[in-house]
Amino acid sequence: MKEQLDQIDWEYLYTILDVNKAWNIFRNTLLEIFDRNAPFIVKRVKGKFSPWLTTEIRQMMNSRDKALRKARRNNDEALWQTFKN
């Protein structure tokens, strides 16, 4: 990143009379180099341990999810009712 910053000719910023325009060019140049070398990454953080989430509840959740997939796939009213129950 230092090499990329050294290669930029910053002198042209002194020739720009509008301070806001010079700031935008400076900021965009830096952000472009930062993004190239250290891109923003979204990480998913798993939730904390839930002691109330027992094996029985997980099995019921899996059963519910299977019923939803079946109901969506077949679009049958009886399967939708099973899912709702």
N, C-alpha and C. Protein backbone atom coordinates (compact mmCIF):
# COMPACT_ATOMS: atom_id res chain seq x y z
N MET A 1 0.83 -1.17 0.00
CA MET A 1 0.00 0.00 0.00
C MET A 1 0.89 1.26 0.00
N LYS A 2 1.99 1.20 0.74
CA LYS A 2 2.91 2.34 0.79
C LYS A 2 3.47 2.63 -0.60
N GLU A 3 3.80 1.58 -1.35
CA GLU A 3 4.32 1.77 -2.71
C GLU A 3 3.29 2.45 -3.61
N GLN A 4 2.05 2.06 -3.48
CA GLN A 4 0.99 2.67 -4.29
C GLN A 4 0.81 4.14 -3.92
N LEU A 5 0.89 4.44 -2.63
CA LEU A 5 0.76 5.84 -2.21
C LEU A 5 1.96 6.67 -2.68
N ASP A 6 3.14 6.06 -2.69
CA ASP A 6 4.34 6.77 -3.16
C ASP A 6 4.27 7.07 -4.66
N GLN A 7 3.58 6.26 -5.43
CA GLN A 7 3.50 6.43 -6.88
C GLN A 7 2.55 7.55 -7.29
N ILE A 8 1.72 8.00 -6.39
CA ILE A 8 0.74 9.03 -6.73
C ILE A 8 1.41 10.41 -6.69
N ASP A 9 1.13 11.21 -7.71
CA ASP A 9 1.64 12.58 -7.77
C ASP A 9 0.63 13.49 -7.07
N TRP A 10 0.94 13.85 -5.83
CA TRP A 10 0.03 14.65 -5.02
C TRP A 10 0.10 16.14 -5.36
N GLU A 11 1.07 16.55 -6.16
CA GLU A 11 1.25 17.97 -6.49
C GLU A 11 0.04 18.57 -7.19
N TYR A 12 -0.67 17.77 -7.97
CA TYR A 12 -1.81 18.32 -8.71
C TYR A 12 -2.91 18.79 -7.77
N LEU A 13 -2.96 18.28 -6.54
CA LEU A 13 -3.97 18.75 -5.58
C LEU A 13 -3.76 20.22 -5.22
N TYR A 14 -2.49 20.68 -5.23
CA TYR A 14 -2.21 22.08 -4.89
C TYR A 14 -2.69 23.03 -5.98
N THR A 15 -2.90 22.54 -7.17
CA THR A 15 -3.34 23.40 -8.27
C THR A 15 -4.85 23.58 -8.31
N ILE A 16 -5.57 22.76 -7.57
CA ILE A 16 -7.04 22.85 -7.55
C ILE A 16 -7.45 23.96 -6.60
N LEU A 17 -8.23 24.90 -7.11
CA LEU A 17 -8.62 26.06 -6.31
C LEU A 17 -9.78 25.76 -5.36
N ASP A 18 -10.64 24.83 -5.75
CA ASP A 18 -11.79 24.49 -4.92
C ASP A 18 -11.37 23.45 -3.87
N VAL A 19 -11.45 23.83 -2.62
CA VAL A 19 -11.01 22.96 -1.53
C VAL A 19 -11.85 21.68 -1.46
N ASN A 20 -13.15 21.82 -1.68
CA ASN A 20 -14.03 20.64 -1.61
C ASN A 20 -13.70 19.64 -2.71
N LYS A 21 -13.41 20.15 -3.89
CA LYS A 21 -13.06 19.27 -5.01
C LYS A 21 -11.73 18.58 -4.72
N ALA A 22 -10.76 19.31 -4.18
CA ALA A 22 -9.45 18.72 -3.84
C ALA A 22 -9.62 17.65 -2.76
N TRP A 23 -10.45 17.93 -1.76
CA TRP A 23 -10.70 16.95 -0.70
C TRP A 23 -11.33 15.68 -1.27
N ASN A 24 -12.32 15.83 -2.15
CA ASN A 24 -12.97 14.66 -2.73
C ASN A 24 -11.99 13.81 -3.54
N ILE A 25 -11.14 14.45 -4.30
CA ILE A 25 -10.14 13.70 -5.08
C ILE A 25 -9.17 12.98 -4.16
N PHE A 26 -8.69 13.67 -3.13
CA PHE A 26 -7.78 13.08 -2.16
C PHE A 26 -8.43 11.89 -1.45
N ARG A 27 -9.65 12.09 -0.97
CA ARG A 27 -10.38 11.04 -0.24
C ARG A 27 -10.66 9.84 -1.13
N ASN A 28 -11.13 10.08 -2.34
CA ASN A 28 -11.44 8.98 -3.25
C ASN A 28 -10.19 8.20 -3.64
N THR A 29 -9.07 8.90 -3.81
CA THR A 29 -7.81 8.22 -4.13
C THR A 29 -7.40 7.31 -2.98
N LEU A 30 -7.46 7.82 -1.75
CA LEU A 30 -7.11 7.01 -0.59
C LEU A 30 -8.05 5.82 -0.42
N LEU A 31 -9.36 6.05 -0.54
CA LEU A 31 -10.33 4.97 -0.37
C LEU A 31 -10.15 3.89 -1.42
N GLU A 32 -9.82 4.28 -2.63
CA GLU A 32 -9.59 3.31 -3.69
C GLU A 32 -8.40 2.41 -3.35
N ILE A 33 -7.33 3.01 -2.85
CA ILE A 33 -6.14 2.23 -2.48
C ILE A 33 -6.45 1.35 -1.27
N PHE A 34 -7.17 1.88 -0.29
CA PHE A 34 -7.54 1.08 0.88
C PHE A 34 -8.41 -0.10 0.48
N ASP A 35 -9.40 0.14 -0.38
CA ASP A 35 -10.29 -0.93 -0.82
C ASP A 35 -9.54 -2.01 -1.60
N ARG A 36 -8.56 -1.59 -2.37
CA ARG A 36 -7.78 -2.54 -3.15
C ARG A 36 -6.93 -3.44 -2.25
N ASN A 37 -6.41 -2.88 -1.18
CA ASN A 37 -5.49 -3.62 -0.32
C ASN A 37 -6.14 -4.23 0.91
N ALA A 38 -7.20 -3.66 1.37
CA ALA A 38 -7.90 -4.18 2.55
C ALA A 38 -9.40 -4.04 2.32
N PRO A 39 -9.97 -4.91 1.48
CA PRO A 39 -11.38 -4.79 1.16
C PRO A 39 -12.27 -5.02 2.38
N PHE A 40 -13.41 -4.40 2.38
CA PHE A 40 -14.39 -4.55 3.45
C PHE A 40 -15.05 -5.91 3.31
N ILE A 41 -15.03 -6.68 4.39
CA ILE A 41 -15.61 -8.03 4.37
C ILE A 41 -16.68 -8.11 5.44
N VAL A 42 -17.80 -8.67 5.08
CA VAL A 42 -18.88 -8.86 6.04
C VAL A 42 -18.75 -10.26 6.63
N LYS A 43 -18.65 -10.33 7.93
CA LYS A 43 -18.55 -11.61 8.62
C LYS A 43 -19.82 -11.85 9.40
N ARG A 44 -20.29 -13.09 9.37
CA ARG A 44 -21.47 -13.46 10.14
C ARG A 44 -21.01 -13.99 11.48
N VAL A 45 -21.52 -13.40 12.53
CA VAL A 45 -21.17 -13.83 13.87
C VAL A 45 -22.32 -14.66 14.41
N LYS A 46 -22.00 -15.88 14.79
CA LYS A 46 -23.04 -16.75 15.32
C LYS A 46 -23.45 -16.28 16.70
N GLY A 47 -24.70 -16.54 17.02
CA GLY A 47 -25.24 -16.12 18.30
C GLY A 47 -24.63 -16.87 19.47
N LYS A 48 -24.93 -16.39 20.63
CA LYS A 48 -24.44 -17.01 21.85
C LYS A 48 -25.16 -18.33 22.08
N PHE A 49 -24.58 -19.15 22.92
CA PHE A 49 -25.17 -20.42 23.29
C PHE A 49 -26.52 -20.17 23.95
N SER A 50 -27.52 -20.89 23.51
CA SER A 50 -28.88 -20.74 24.06
C SER A 50 -29.23 -21.99 24.85
N PRO A 51 -29.16 -21.92 26.17
CA PRO A 51 -29.43 -23.12 26.97
C PRO A 51 -30.87 -23.61 26.86
N TRP A 52 -31.79 -22.74 26.48
CA TRP A 52 -33.19 -23.14 26.36
C TRP A 52 -33.45 -23.93 25.08
N LEU A 53 -32.50 -23.91 24.14
CA LEU A 53 -32.69 -24.60 22.86
C LEU A 53 -32.26 -26.06 23.03
N THR A 54 -33.21 -26.87 23.43
CA THR A 54 -32.93 -28.28 23.71
C THR A 54 -32.96 -29.10 22.43
N THR A 55 -32.55 -30.35 22.54
CA THR A 55 -32.57 -31.26 21.40
C THR A 55 -34.00 -31.44 20.88
N GLU A 56 -34.94 -31.54 21.80
CA GLU A 56 -36.35 -31.71 21.42
C GLU A 56 -36.85 -30.51 20.61
N ILE A 57 -36.50 -29.31 21.05
CA ILE A 57 -36.92 -28.10 20.33
C ILE A 57 -36.27 -28.04 18.96
N ARG A 58 -35.00 -28.42 18.86
CA ARG A 58 -34.32 -28.43 17.55
C ARG A 58 -34.98 -29.42 16.61
N GLN A 59 -35.37 -30.58 17.11
CA GLN A 59 -36.06 -31.57 16.27
C GLN A 59 -37.39 -31.01 15.80
N MET A 60 -38.10 -30.32 16.67
CA MET A 60 -39.37 -29.71 16.28
C MET A 60 -39.15 -28.61 15.23
N MET A 61 -38.08 -27.84 15.37
CA MET A 61 -37.76 -26.81 14.38
C MET A 61 -37.44 -27.44 13.03
N ASN A 62 -36.69 -28.53 13.03
CA ASN A 62 -36.38 -29.23 11.78
C ASN A 62 -37.65 -29.79 11.14
N SER A 63 -38.53 -30.33 11.96
CA SER A 63 -39.80 -30.85 11.45
C SER A 63 -40.62 -29.74 10.82
N ARG A 64 -40.66 -28.58 11.49
CA ARG A 64 -41.38 -27.41 10.96
C ARG A 64 -40.80 -26.98 9.61
N ASP A 65 -39.47 -26.92 9.53
CA ASP A 65 -38.82 -26.48 8.30
C ASP A 65 -39.07 -27.46 7.15
N LYS A 66 -39.05 -28.75 7.46
CA LYS A 66 -39.35 -29.76 6.43
C LYS A 66 -40.79 -29.61 5.93
N ALA A 67 -41.72 -29.37 6.87
CA ALA A 67 -43.12 -29.19 6.49
C ALA A 67 -43.29 -27.96 5.60
N LEU A 68 -42.56 -26.91 5.90
CA LEU A 68 -42.62 -25.69 5.07
C LEU A 68 -42.12 -25.96 3.66
N ARG A 69 -40.98 -26.65 3.56
CA ARG A 69 -40.45 -26.96 2.22
C ARG A 69 -41.43 -27.81 1.42
N LYS A 70 -42.04 -28.80 2.09
CA LYS A 70 -43.01 -29.67 1.40
C LYS A 70 -44.22 -28.87 0.95
N ALA A 71 -44.72 -28.00 1.82
CA ALA A 71 -45.90 -27.20 1.49
C ALA A 71 -45.61 -26.25 0.33
N ARG A 72 -44.44 -25.65 0.33
CA ARG A 72 -44.09 -24.74 -0.77
C ARG A 72 -43.93 -25.50 -2.08
N ARG A 73 -43.31 -26.68 -2.00
CA ARG A 73 -43.06 -27.46 -3.20
C ARG A 73 -44.36 -27.94 -3.84
N ASN A 74 -45.30 -28.44 -3.02
CA ASN A 74 -46.53 -29.05 -3.56
C ASN A 74 -47.72 -28.09 -3.57
N ASN A 75 -47.65 -27.03 -2.78
CA ASN A 75 -48.73 -26.05 -2.69
C ASN A 75 -50.07 -26.72 -2.42
N ASP A 76 -50.05 -27.63 -1.45
CA ASP A 76 -51.25 -28.37 -1.06
C ASP A 76 -51.77 -27.80 0.26
N GLU A 77 -53.08 -27.59 0.35
CA GLU A 77 -53.67 -26.98 1.55
C GLU A 77 -53.44 -27.83 2.80
N ALA A 78 -53.51 -29.15 2.65
CA ALA A 78 -53.29 -30.03 3.81
C ALA A 78 -51.85 -29.91 4.31
N LEU A 79 -50.89 -29.78 3.40
CA LEU A 79 -49.49 -29.62 3.80
C LEU A 79 -49.26 -28.27 4.47
N TRP A 80 -49.98 -27.24 3.98
CA TRP A 80 -49.88 -25.93 4.62
C TRP A 80 -50.44 -25.99 6.04
N GLN A 81 -51.54 -26.72 6.21
CA GLN A 81 -52.12 -26.85 7.53
C GLN A 81 -51.19 -27.61 8.48
N THR A 82 -50.52 -28.64 7.96
CA THR A 82 -49.54 -29.38 8.75
C THR A 82 -48.42 -28.44 9.19
N PHE A 83 -47.95 -27.63 8.27
CA PHE A 83 -46.90 -26.67 8.61
C PHE A 83 -47.37 -25.70 9.69
N LYS A 84 -48.59 -25.18 9.55
CA LYS A 84 -49.09 -24.21 10.52
C LYS A 84 -49.26 -24.82 11.91
N ASN A 85 -49.65 -26.08 11.94
CA ASN A 85 -49.81 -26.76 13.24
C ASN A 85 -48.45 -26.97 13.86
